[in-house]
C-alpha atoms as a PDB file:
ATOM      1  CA  UNK A   1      -0.846-123.099  17.309  1.00  0.00           C
ATOM      2  CA  UNK A   2       1.288-121.026  19.399  1.00  0.00           C
ATOM      3  CA  UNK A   3       1.732-117.219  18.901  1.00  0.00           C
ATOM      4  CA  UNK A   4       4.443-114.973  19.974  1.00  0.00           C
ATOM      5  CA  UNK A   5       2.017-112.121  20.402  1.00  0.00           C
ATOM      6  CA  UNK A   6       0.301-111.147  23.592  1.00  0.00           C
ATOM      7  CA  UNK A   7      -3.104-109.575  23.707  1.00  0.00           C
ATOM      8  CA  UNK A   8      -3.805-106.362  25.764  1.00  0.00           C
ATOM      9  CA  UNK A   9      -6.861-104.029  26.129  1.00  0.00           C
ATOM     10  CA  UNK A  10      -6.927-100.255  25.716  1.00  0.00           C
ATOM     11  CA  UNK A  11      -9.612 -97.902  27.224  1.00  0.00           C
ATOM     12  CA  UNK A  12      -9.903 -94.864  24.879  1.00  0.00           C
ATOM     13  CA  UNK A  13     -12.302 -92.007  24.718  1.00  0.00           C
ATOM     14  CA  UNK A  14     -14.840 -92.810  21.843  1.00  0.00           C
ATOM     15  CA  UNK A  15     -13.556 -89.583  19.924  1.00  0.00           C
ATOM     16  CA  UNK A  16      -9.885 -90.739  20.322  1.00  0.00           C
ATOM     17  CA  UNK A  17     -10.829 -94.349  19.323  1.00  0.00           C
ATOM     18  CA  UNK A  18     -12.616 -92.914  16.159  1.00  0.00           C
ATOM     19  CA  UNK A  19      -9.654 -90.677  15.195  1.00  0.00           C
ATOM     20  CA  UNK A  20      -7.237 -93.717  15.695  1.00  0.00           C
ATOM     21  CA  UNK A  21      -9.422 -96.055  13.481  1.00  0.00           C
ATOM     22  CA  UNK A  22      -9.639 -93.371  10.857  1.00  0.00           C
ATOM     23  CA  UNK A  23      -5.908 -92.788  10.820  1.00  0.00           C
ATOM     24  CA  UNK A  24      -5.262 -96.479  10.513  1.00  0.00           C
ATOM     25  CA  UNK A  25      -7.724 -96.830   7.645  1.00  0.00           C
ATOM     26  CA  UNK A  26      -6.143 -93.771   5.868  1.00  0.00           C
ATOM     27  CA  UNK A  27      -2.828 -95.607   5.999  1.00  0.00           C
ATOM     28  CA  UNK A  28      -4.288 -98.971   4.943  1.00  0.00           C
ATOM     29  CA  UNK A  29      -3.742-100.590   8.431  1.00  0.00           C
ATOM     30  CA  UNK A  30      -6.171-102.346  10.838  1.00  0.00           C
ATOM     31  CA  UNK A  31      -6.303-100.500  14.069  1.00  0.00           C
ATOM     32  CA  UNK A  32      -4.189-103.251  15.917  1.00  0.00           C
ATOM     33  CA  UNK A  33      -1.312-102.834  13.353  1.00  0.00           C
ATOM     34  CA  UNK A  34      -1.547 -98.900  13.533  1.00  0.00           C
ATOM     35  CA  UNK A  35      -1.236 -99.152  17.241  1.00  0.00           C
ATOM     36  CA  UNK A  36       1.778-101.654  17.129  1.00  0.00           C
ATOM     37  CA  UNK A  37       3.320 -99.331  14.623  1.00  0.00           C
ATOM     38  CA  UNK A  38       2.925 -96.202  16.765  1.00  0.00           C
ATOM     39  CA  UNK A  39       4.495 -98.050  19.764  1.00  0.00           C
ATOM     40  CA  UNK A  40       7.306 -99.608  17.750  1.00  0.00           C
ATOM     41  CA  UNK A  41       8.441 -96.219  16.120  1.00  0.00           C
ATOM     42  CA  UNK A  42       8.147 -94.477  19.319  1.00  0.00           C
ATOM     43  CA  UNK A  43      10.268 -97.053  21.287  1.00  0.00           C
ATOM     44  CA  UNK A  44      12.956 -97.872  18.624  1.00  0.00           C
ATOM     45  CA  UNK A  45      13.834 -94.278  17.829  1.00  0.00           C
ATOM     46  CA  UNK A  46      12.357 -94.428  14.255  1.00  0.00           C
ATOM     47  CA  UNK A  47       9.989 -91.562  15.033  1.00  0.00           C
ATOM     48  CA  UNK A  48      12.618 -89.467  16.591  1.00  0.00           C
ATOM     49  CA  UNK A  49      14.844 -89.986  13.490  1.00  0.00           C
ATOM     50  CA  UNK A  50      12.157 -89.246  11.063  1.00  0.00           C
ATOM     51  CA  UNK A  51      11.418 -86.002  12.924  1.00  0.00           C
ATOM     52  CA  UNK A  52      15.150 -85.037  12.896  1.00  0.00           C
ATOM     53  CA  UNK A  53      15.261 -85.613   9.264  1.00  0.00           C
ATOM     54  CA  UNK A  54      12.151 -83.486   8.719  1.00  0.00           C
ATOM     55  CA  UNK A  55      13.790 -80.568  10.831  1.00  0.00           C
ATOM     56  CA  UNK A  56      16.882 -80.876   8.841  1.00  0.00           C
ATOM     57  CA  UNK A  57      14.993 -80.601   5.658  1.00  0.00           C
ATOM     58  CA  UNK A  58      13.041 -77.463   6.988  1.00  0.00           C
ATOM     59  CA  UNK A  59      16.364 -76.031   8.135  1.00  0.00           C
ATOM     60  CA  UNK A  60      18.148 -76.674   4.970  1.00  0.00           C
ATOM     61  CA  UNK A  61      15.350 -75.888   2.371  1.00  0.00           C
ATOM     62  CA  UNK A  62      13.025 -73.880   4.385  1.00  0.00           C
ATOM     63  CA  UNK A  63      13.096 -70.804   2.175  1.00  0.00           C
ATOM     64  CA  UNK A  64      12.765 -72.729  -1.141  1.00  0.00           C
ATOM     65  CA  UNK A  65       9.556 -74.405   0.568  1.00  0.00           C
ATOM     66  CA  UNK A  66       8.160 -71.109   1.669  1.00  0.00           C
ATOM     67  CA  UNK A  67       8.455 -69.677  -1.879  1.00  0.00           C
ATOM     68  CA  UNK A  68       7.132 -72.838  -3.442  1.00  0.00           C
ATOM     69  CA  UNK A  69       4.034 -72.578  -0.978  1.00  0.00           C
ATOM     70  CA  UNK A  70       3.504 -69.012  -1.862  1.00  0.00           C
ATOM     71  CA  UNK A  71       3.604 -69.670  -5.592  1.00  0.00           C
ATOM     72  CA  UNK A  72       1.210 -72.624  -5.200  1.00  0.00           C
ATOM     73  CA  UNK A  73      -1.173 -70.398  -3.213  1.00  0.00           C
ATOM     74  CA  UNK A  74      -1.023 -67.629  -5.763  1.00  0.00           C
ATOM     75  CA  UNK A  75      -2.096 -70.205  -8.475  1.00  0.00           C
ATOM     76  CA  UNK A  76      -5.225 -70.960  -6.390  1.00  0.00           C
ATOM     77  CA  UNK A  77      -6.168 -67.431  -5.520  1.00  0.00           C
ATOM     78  CA  UNK A  78      -9.305 -66.278  -7.472  1.00  0.00           C
ATOM     79  CA  UNK A  79      -8.545 -63.167  -9.749  1.00  0.00           C
ATOM     80  CA  UNK A  80     -10.984 -61.065  -7.851  1.00  0.00           C
ATOM     81  CA  UNK A  81      -9.060 -61.611  -4.807  1.00  0.00           C
ATOM     82  CA  UNK A  82      -5.658 -61.127  -6.355  1.00  0.00           C
ATOM     83  CA  UNK A  83      -4.900 -57.421  -6.672  1.00  0.00           C
ATOM     84  CA  UNK A  84      -2.145 -57.991  -9.150  1.00  0.00           C
ATOM     85  CA  UNK A  85      -4.160 -60.124 -11.515  1.00  0.00           C
ATOM     86  CA  UNK A  86      -5.548 -58.624 -14.649  1.00  0.00           C
ATOM     87  CA  UNK A  87      -9.255 -57.928 -14.851  1.00  0.00           C
END
């Protein structure tokens, strides 16, 4: 059985390897697929396109997002620490 995939080796610091494995698991990927996806996204421009889209969203809707974040933060602030809250 022939495969069009090639095997390679990486040397990573233990903490970086652990972080990569955790990130892969959080995305439901095995470590190999995670590394393959990172390389693919970086070399095809997909990552750059995603970052540009995210920046456009921030530029266009940043004020709304900041207001929403402040409103959500206010909902989770204990009354004793919120000077405007009724006692």
